[in-house]
């Protein structure tokens, strides 16, 4: 699951659609409390969070949030926002996989999500969805 945190409804809807189209399961949250609740049910493979939220006091809570094994945190800012206006705390910047400007870098986010899911599958952290094996042919009598 990919968990997206933000307040811009149009941007969140576009991200959810783009990520879903790539075969990802997506959940959208508008508050840090909601993120914690969703992550407690299912640890997200990627947590995509608004840079302003990560720079706030809640950023430390998000940095300590348990993501799935091999999971990562991705920070984003909306187009036109000054990136330096929301400097990330060191503990958040250290664990962030990427810092994107959305929606301009939406394709890069999708590529990161696909790569993270493939990497998790390859190392056995996410179960593969494979058809059941065929039954062996019965011996001739």
N, C-alpha and C. Protein backbone atom coordinates (compact mmCIF):
# COMPACT_ATOMS: atom_id res chain seq x y z
N UNK A 1 0.84 -1.18 0.00
CA UNK A 1 0.00 0.00 0.00
C UNK A 1 0.89 1.24 0.00
N UNK A 2 0.45 2.23 -0.74
CA UNK A 2 1.11 3.53 -0.75
C UNK A 2 0.19 4.50 -0.03
N UNK A 3 0.74 5.19 0.95
CA UNK A 3 -0.02 6.11 1.78
C UNK A 3 0.39 7.53 1.43
N UNK A 4 -0.59 8.35 1.03
CA UNK A 4 -0.33 9.73 0.61
C UNK A 4 -0.96 10.67 1.62
N UNK A 5 -0.16 11.63 2.12
CA UNK A 5 -0.62 12.60 3.11
C UNK A 5 -0.53 13.99 2.52
N UNK A 6 -1.63 14.73 2.61
CA UNK A 6 -1.64 16.11 2.13
C UNK A 6 -2.99 16.74 2.30
N UNK A 7 -3.11 17.99 1.85
CA UNK A 7 -4.38 18.71 1.99
C UNK A 7 -4.96 19.18 0.67
N UNK A 8 -4.19 19.17 -0.40
CA UNK A 8 -4.65 19.63 -1.71
C UNK A 8 -5.44 18.51 -2.37
N UNK A 9 -6.77 18.62 -2.32
CA UNK A 9 -7.64 17.55 -2.82
C UNK A 9 -7.38 17.19 -4.28
N UNK A 10 -7.22 18.19 -5.13
CA UNK A 10 -7.00 17.92 -6.56
C UNK A 10 -5.68 17.18 -6.78
N UNK A 11 -4.64 17.60 -6.10
CA UNK A 11 -3.34 16.95 -6.23
C UNK A 11 -3.40 15.52 -5.70
N UNK A 12 -4.03 15.33 -4.54
CA UNK A 12 -4.13 14.00 -3.95
C UNK A 12 -4.91 13.05 -4.85
N UNK A 13 -5.98 13.54 -5.46
CA UNK A 13 -6.79 12.72 -6.36
C UNK A 13 -5.97 12.31 -7.58
N UNK A 14 -5.22 13.26 -8.15
CA UNK A 14 -4.37 12.95 -9.30
C UNK A 14 -3.29 11.93 -8.96
N UNK A 15 -2.68 12.08 -7.79
CA UNK A 15 -1.65 11.12 -7.36
C UNK A 15 -2.25 9.74 -7.15
N UNK A 16 -3.40 9.69 -6.50
CA UNK A 16 -4.05 8.40 -6.25
C UNK A 16 -4.40 7.71 -7.56
N UNK A 17 -4.89 8.45 -8.54
CA UNK A 17 -5.23 7.86 -9.83
C UNK A 17 -3.99 7.37 -10.56
N UNK A 18 -2.92 8.16 -10.55
CA UNK A 18 -1.69 7.77 -11.25
C UNK A 18 -1.08 6.52 -10.61
N UNK A 19 -1.05 6.48 -9.29
CA UNK A 19 -0.47 5.33 -8.59
C UNK A 19 -1.35 4.09 -8.75
N UNK A 20 -2.65 4.27 -8.71
CA UNK A 20 -3.57 3.14 -8.90
C UNK A 20 -3.46 2.57 -10.31
N UNK A 21 -3.27 3.44 -11.28
CA UNK A 21 -3.14 2.99 -12.67
C UNK A 21 -1.89 2.14 -12.86
N UNK A 22 -0.90 2.32 -11.99
CA UNK A 22 0.32 1.52 -12.10
C UNK A 22 0.21 0.22 -11.31
N UNK A 23 -0.98 -0.07 -10.79
CA UNK A 23 -1.20 -1.33 -10.09
C UNK A 23 -0.96 -1.26 -8.59
N UNK A 24 -0.81 -0.08 -8.06
CA UNK A 24 -0.55 0.08 -6.63
C UNK A 24 -1.85 0.27 -5.85
N UNK A 25 -1.85 -0.19 -4.62
CA UNK A 25 -2.96 0.07 -3.71
C UNK A 25 -2.64 1.39 -3.01
N UNK A 26 -3.59 2.33 -3.02
CA UNK A 26 -3.33 3.67 -2.51
C UNK A 26 -4.36 4.05 -1.45
N UNK A 27 -3.89 4.68 -0.38
CA UNK A 27 -4.76 5.27 0.64
C UNK A 27 -4.35 6.73 0.80
N UNK A 28 -5.34 7.59 0.98
CA UNK A 28 -5.09 9.02 1.12
C UNK A 28 -5.50 9.45 2.52
N UNK A 29 -4.66 10.25 3.16
CA UNK A 29 -4.94 10.76 4.50
C UNK A 29 -4.76 12.28 4.51
N UNK A 30 -5.51 12.93 5.35
CA UNK A 30 -5.42 14.39 5.44
C UNK A 30 -4.79 14.86 6.74
N UNK A 31 -4.55 13.93 7.69
CA UNK A 31 -3.94 14.32 8.95
C UNK A 31 -2.92 13.26 9.38
N UNK A 32 -2.03 13.66 10.26
CA UNK A 32 -1.02 12.74 10.75
C UNK A 32 -1.68 11.64 11.59
N UNK A 33 -2.72 11.99 12.34
CA UNK A 33 -3.44 10.97 13.11
C UNK A 33 -4.04 9.91 12.20
N UNK A 34 -4.60 10.34 11.08
CA UNK A 34 -5.18 9.40 10.12
C UNK A 34 -4.10 8.51 9.50
N UNK A 35 -2.93 9.08 9.24
CA UNK A 35 -1.81 8.30 8.70
C UNK A 35 -1.42 7.21 9.70
N UNK A 36 -1.30 7.58 10.97
CA UNK A 36 -0.92 6.61 11.99
C UNK A 36 -1.94 5.49 12.11
N UNK A 37 -3.21 5.85 12.01
CA UNK A 37 -4.28 4.84 12.08
C UNK A 37 -4.21 3.87 10.89
N UNK A 38 -4.05 4.40 9.70
CA UNK A 38 -3.96 3.55 8.51
C UNK A 38 -2.70 2.69 8.52
N UNK A 39 -1.59 3.27 8.96
CA UNK A 39 -0.32 2.53 9.00
C UNK A 39 -0.35 1.44 10.06
N UNK A 40 -1.13 1.63 11.11
CA UNK A 40 -1.24 0.60 12.15
C UNK A 40 -1.94 -0.64 11.60
N UNK A 41 -2.88 -0.43 10.67
CA UNK A 41 -3.58 -1.56 10.06
C UNK A 41 -2.70 -2.29 9.05
N UNK A 42 -2.05 -1.52 8.17
CA UNK A 42 -1.17 -2.08 7.14
C UNK A 42 0.00 -1.14 6.96
N UNK A 43 1.19 -1.64 7.19
CA UNK A 43 2.39 -0.81 7.03
C UNK A 43 2.55 -0.44 5.56
N UNK A 44 2.67 0.85 5.25
CA UNK A 44 2.79 1.26 3.85
C UNK A 44 4.17 0.96 3.27
N UNK A 45 4.19 0.66 1.99
CA UNK A 45 5.46 0.47 1.29
C UNK A 45 6.11 1.84 1.06
N UNK A 46 5.30 2.82 0.70
CA UNK A 46 5.77 4.20 0.56
C UNK A 46 4.83 5.11 1.34
N UNK A 47 5.42 6.06 2.05
CA UNK A 47 4.66 7.13 2.68
C UNK A 47 5.04 8.39 1.93
N UNK A 48 4.08 8.96 1.20
CA UNK A 48 4.30 10.17 0.40
C UNK A 48 3.66 11.31 1.17
N UNK A 49 4.49 12.22 1.71
CA UNK A 49 3.97 13.25 2.61
C UNK A 49 4.34 14.65 2.14
N UNK A 50 3.42 15.56 2.37
CA UNK A 50 3.60 16.97 2.07
C UNK A 50 4.79 17.50 2.88
N UNK A 51 5.69 18.19 2.22
CA UNK A 51 6.90 18.70 2.86
C UNK A 51 6.56 19.63 4.02
N UNK A 52 5.48 20.39 3.93
CA UNK A 52 5.10 21.28 5.03
C UNK A 52 4.77 20.48 6.28
N UNK A 53 4.10 19.33 6.12
CA UNK A 53 3.79 18.48 7.27
C UNK A 53 5.05 17.86 7.85
N UNK A 54 5.97 17.46 6.98
CA UNK A 54 7.22 16.86 7.45
C UNK A 54 8.09 17.87 8.18
N UNK A 55 8.00 19.15 7.79
CA UNK A 55 8.80 20.19 8.43
C UNK A 55 8.21 20.63 9.76
N UNK A 56 6.94 20.31 9.99
CA UNK A 56 6.28 20.71 11.24
C UNK A 56 6.66 19.77 12.37
N UNK A 57 6.09 20.01 13.52
CA UNK A 57 6.36 19.16 14.69
C UNK A 57 5.92 17.72 14.43
N UNK A 58 4.93 17.52 13.59
CA UNK A 58 4.45 16.17 13.27
C UNK A 58 5.41 15.38 12.39
N UNK A 59 6.39 16.05 11.81
CA UNK A 59 7.35 15.37 10.95
C UNK A 59 8.12 14.29 11.68
N UNK A 60 8.45 14.54 12.93
CA UNK A 60 9.17 13.53 13.73
C UNK A 60 8.29 12.31 13.94
N UNK A 61 6.98 12.53 14.15
CA UNK A 61 6.05 11.40 14.29
C UNK A 61 6.02 10.57 13.01
N UNK A 62 6.00 11.24 11.87
CA UNK A 62 5.98 10.54 10.60
C UNK A 62 7.29 9.80 10.35
N UNK A 63 8.41 10.38 10.77
CA UNK A 63 9.71 9.73 10.58
C UNK A 63 9.80 8.44 11.38
N UNK A 64 9.11 8.38 12.52
CA UNK A 64 9.14 7.18 13.36
C UNK A 64 8.08 6.17 12.97
N UNK A 65 7.23 6.53 12.02
CA UNK A 65 6.16 5.65 11.59
C UNK A 65 6.73 4.39 10.94
N UNK A 66 6.17 3.26 11.30
CA UNK A 66 6.67 1.99 10.75
C UNK A 66 6.15 1.80 9.33
N UNK A 67 7.09 1.76 8.38
CA UNK A 67 6.73 1.42 7.01
C UNK A 67 7.09 -0.04 6.80
N UNK A 68 6.58 -0.61 5.75
CA UNK A 68 6.86 -2.02 5.44
C UNK A 68 8.36 -2.21 5.24
N UNK A 69 8.82 -3.42 5.47
CA UNK A 69 10.24 -3.71 5.27
C UNK A 69 10.61 -3.33 3.84
N UNK A 70 11.64 -2.55 3.70
CA UNK A 70 12.03 -2.07 2.38
C UNK A 70 11.28 -0.83 1.96
N UNK A 71 10.38 -0.35 2.81
CA UNK A 71 9.59 0.83 2.49
C UNK A 71 10.39 2.11 2.64
N UNK A 72 9.78 3.23 2.24
CA UNK A 72 10.50 4.49 2.27
C UNK A 72 9.54 5.66 2.44
N UNK A 73 10.12 6.80 2.76
CA UNK A 73 9.40 8.06 2.89
C UNK A 73 9.75 8.93 1.69
N UNK A 74 8.75 9.54 1.09
CA UNK A 74 8.96 10.46 -0.03
C UNK A 74 8.31 11.78 0.34
N UNK A 75 9.09 12.86 0.29
CA UNK A 75 8.58 14.20 0.56
C UNK A 75 8.17 14.84 -0.75
N UNK A 76 7.15 15.71 -0.69
CA UNK A 76 6.77 16.45 -1.89
C UNK A 76 6.34 17.86 -1.53
N UNK A 77 6.44 18.72 -2.51
CA UNK A 77 5.92 20.08 -2.40
C UNK A 77 5.15 20.36 -3.68
N UNK A 78 4.17 21.22 -3.58
CA UNK A 78 3.37 21.57 -4.76
C UNK A 78 4.16 22.50 -5.66
N UNK A 79 3.85 22.47 -6.94
CA UNK A 79 4.51 23.36 -7.89
C UNK A 79 4.33 24.80 -7.45
N UNK A 80 5.38 25.57 -7.55
CA UNK A 80 5.30 26.98 -7.18
C UNK A 80 5.67 27.26 -5.74
N UNK A 81 5.71 26.25 -4.87
CA UNK A 81 6.10 26.46 -3.48
C UNK A 81 7.60 26.60 -3.40
N UNK A 82 8.05 27.43 -2.51
CA UNK A 82 9.48 27.55 -2.27
C UNK A 82 9.92 26.38 -1.41
N UNK A 83 10.85 25.58 -1.90
CA UNK A 83 11.33 24.41 -1.17
C UNK A 83 12.02 24.76 0.13
N UNK A 84 12.72 25.89 0.15
CA UNK A 84 13.45 26.26 1.35
C UNK A 84 12.53 26.77 2.44
N UNK A 85 11.30 27.12 2.11
CA UNK A 85 10.37 27.62 3.12
C UNK A 85 10.05 26.53 4.14
N UNK A 86 10.17 25.28 3.73
CA UNK A 86 9.87 24.16 4.62
C UNK A 86 11.09 23.25 4.73
N UNK A 87 12.13 23.73 5.38
CA UNK A 87 13.34 22.91 5.54
C UNK A 87 12.99 21.70 6.40
N UNK A 88 13.45 20.53 5.96
CA UNK A 88 13.15 19.30 6.68
C UNK A 88 14.09 19.12 7.87
N UNK A 89 13.56 18.62 9.00
CA UNK A 89 14.43 18.28 10.12
C UNK A 89 15.43 17.20 9.67
N UNK A 90 16.58 17.17 10.30
CA UNK A 90 17.64 16.23 9.91
C UNK A 90 17.17 14.79 9.92
N UNK A 91 16.40 14.39 10.94
CA UNK A 91 15.98 12.99 11.02
C UNK A 91 15.04 12.61 9.88
N UNK A 92 14.28 13.57 9.37
CA UNK A 92 13.38 13.32 8.25
C UNK A 92 14.16 13.32 6.94
N UNK A 93 15.03 14.31 6.76
CA UNK A 93 15.82 14.40 5.52
C UNK A 93 16.71 13.18 5.34
N UNK A 94 17.19 12.63 6.44
CA UNK A 94 18.08 11.47 6.38
C UNK A 94 17.38 10.23 5.84
N UNK A 95 16.09 10.07 6.12
CA UNK A 95 15.39 8.85 5.70
C UNK A 95 14.56 9.02 4.44
N UNK A 96 14.44 10.25 3.94
CA UNK A 96 13.62 10.49 2.75
C UNK A 96 14.30 9.92 1.50
N UNK A 97 13.56 9.12 0.76
CA UNK A 97 14.07 8.54 -0.49
C UNK A 97 14.16 9.59 -1.59
N UNK A 98 13.19 10.51 -1.62
CA UNK A 98 13.17 11.54 -2.66
C UNK A 98 12.43 12.76 -2.15
N UNK A 99 12.68 13.88 -2.80
CA UNK A 99 11.98 15.14 -2.52
C UNK A 99 11.49 15.64 -3.87
N UNK A 100 10.20 15.50 -4.11
CA UNK A 100 9.64 15.77 -5.43
C UNK A 100 8.81 17.04 -5.48
N UNK A 101 8.70 17.61 -6.66
CA UNK A 101 7.79 18.72 -6.90
C UNK A 101 6.62 18.17 -7.71
N UNK A 102 5.47 18.15 -7.09
CA UNK A 102 4.30 17.55 -7.74
C UNK A 102 3.32 18.63 -8.15
N UNK A 103 2.61 18.45 -9.22
CA UNK A 103 2.46 17.28 -10.05
C UNK A 103 3.51 17.14 -11.15
N UNK A 104 4.47 18.06 -11.23
CA UNK A 104 5.47 17.99 -12.31
C UNK A 104 6.23 16.67 -12.33
N UNK A 105 6.57 16.14 -11.16
CA UNK A 105 7.36 14.91 -11.10
C UNK A 105 6.50 13.69 -10.75
N UNK A 106 5.25 13.71 -11.17
CA UNK A 106 4.33 12.60 -10.89
C UNK A 106 4.83 11.29 -11.49
N UNK A 107 5.37 11.33 -12.70
CA UNK A 107 5.89 10.11 -13.33
C UNK A 107 7.07 9.54 -12.54
N UNK A 108 7.88 10.40 -11.98
CA UNK A 108 9.01 9.93 -11.15
C UNK A 108 8.49 9.23 -9.89
N UNK A 109 7.43 9.78 -9.30
CA UNK A 109 6.82 9.15 -8.12
C UNK A 109 6.28 7.77 -8.48
N UNK A 110 5.60 7.66 -9.61
CA UNK A 110 5.07 6.36 -10.04
C UNK A 110 6.21 5.38 -10.26
N UNK A 111 7.28 5.83 -10.90
CA UNK A 111 8.44 4.95 -11.13
C UNK A 111 9.06 4.50 -9.81
N UNK A 112 9.16 5.39 -8.82
CA UNK A 112 9.68 5.02 -7.50
C UNK A 112 8.79 3.98 -6.83
N UNK A 113 7.48 4.16 -6.96
CA UNK A 113 6.53 3.22 -6.34
C UNK A 113 6.64 1.85 -6.99
N UNK A 114 6.72 1.81 -8.30
CA UNK A 114 6.84 0.54 -9.02
C UNK A 114 8.16 -0.15 -8.65
N UNK A 115 9.24 0.63 -8.59
CA UNK A 115 10.54 0.07 -8.23
C UNK A 115 10.53 -0.48 -6.80
N UNK A 116 9.96 0.28 -5.87
CA UNK A 116 9.92 -0.17 -4.47
C UNK A 116 9.10 -1.45 -4.34
N UNK A 117 7.99 -1.54 -5.05
CA UNK A 117 7.17 -2.76 -5.00
C UNK A 117 7.91 -3.94 -5.60
N UNK A 118 8.58 -3.72 -6.72
CA UNK A 118 9.34 -4.81 -7.36
C UNK A 118 10.49 -5.26 -6.48
N UNK A 119 11.17 -4.31 -5.87
CA UNK A 119 12.28 -4.64 -4.98
C UNK A 119 11.79 -5.44 -3.77
N UNK A 120 10.67 -5.04 -3.20
CA UNK A 120 10.11 -5.77 -2.06
C UNK A 120 9.70 -7.19 -2.46
N UNK A 121 9.14 -7.35 -3.66
CA UNK A 121 8.76 -8.69 -4.13
C UNK A 121 9.99 -9.56 -4.34
N UNK A 122 11.03 -8.99 -4.96
CA UNK A 122 12.24 -9.76 -5.27
C UNK A 122 12.94 -10.30 -4.03
N UNK A 123 12.90 -9.53 -2.96
CA UNK A 123 13.58 -9.98 -1.74
C UNK A 123 12.64 -10.70 -0.79
N UNK A 124 11.41 -10.94 -1.26
CA UNK A 124 10.47 -11.73 -0.47
C UNK A 124 9.73 -10.99 0.62
N UNK A 125 9.72 -9.68 0.56
CA UNK A 125 9.03 -8.91 1.60
C UNK A 125 7.56 -8.73 1.31
N UNK A 126 7.18 -8.91 0.06
CA UNK A 126 5.78 -8.82 -0.36
C UNK A 126 5.46 -10.10 -1.10
N UNK A 127 4.32 -10.69 -0.80
CA UNK A 127 3.99 -11.94 -1.46
C UNK A 127 3.68 -11.70 -2.93
N UNK A 128 4.09 -12.63 -3.74
CA UNK A 128 3.80 -12.57 -5.17
C UNK A 128 2.40 -13.09 -5.40
N UNK A 129 1.77 -12.55 -6.37
CA UNK A 129 0.45 -13.04 -6.74
C UNK A 129 0.62 -13.96 -7.94
N UNK A 130 0.76 -15.23 -7.66
CA UNK A 130 0.97 -16.20 -8.73
C UNK A 130 -0.18 -17.19 -8.72
N UNK A 131 -0.48 -17.75 -9.87
CA UNK A 131 -1.56 -18.75 -9.91
C UNK A 131 -1.11 -20.01 -9.18
N UNK A 132 -2.05 -20.79 -8.68
CA UNK A 132 -1.67 -22.02 -7.99
C UNK A 132 -0.98 -22.97 -8.96
N UNK A 133 -0.04 -23.77 -8.47
CA UNK A 133 0.67 -24.67 -9.38
C UNK A 133 -0.29 -25.71 -9.94
N UNK A 134 0.03 -26.13 -11.16
CA UNK A 134 -0.79 -27.16 -11.77
C UNK A 134 -0.54 -28.48 -11.06
N UNK A 135 -1.56 -29.28 -10.99
CA UNK A 135 -1.36 -30.59 -10.35
C UNK A 135 -0.58 -31.51 -11.31
N UNK A 136 0.30 -32.33 -10.76
CA UNK A 136 1.12 -33.20 -11.62
C UNK A 136 0.21 -34.22 -12.32
N UNK A 137 0.64 -34.67 -13.49
CA UNK A 137 -0.16 -35.64 -14.20
C UNK A 137 -0.22 -36.96 -13.41
N UNK A 138 -1.36 -37.60 -13.48
CA UNK A 138 -1.51 -38.87 -12.77
C UNK A 138 -0.77 -39.97 -13.53
N UNK A 139 -0.13 -40.89 -12.80
CA UNK A 139 0.60 -41.96 -13.49
C UNK A 139 -0.37 -42.87 -14.25
N UNK A 140 0.10 -43.34 -15.38
CA UNK A 140 -0.72 -44.25 -16.20
C UNK A 140 -0.76 -45.63 -15.54
N UNK A 141 -1.91 -46.25 -15.55
CA UNK A 141 -2.05 -47.58 -14.94
C UNK A 141 -2.24 -48.65 -15.97
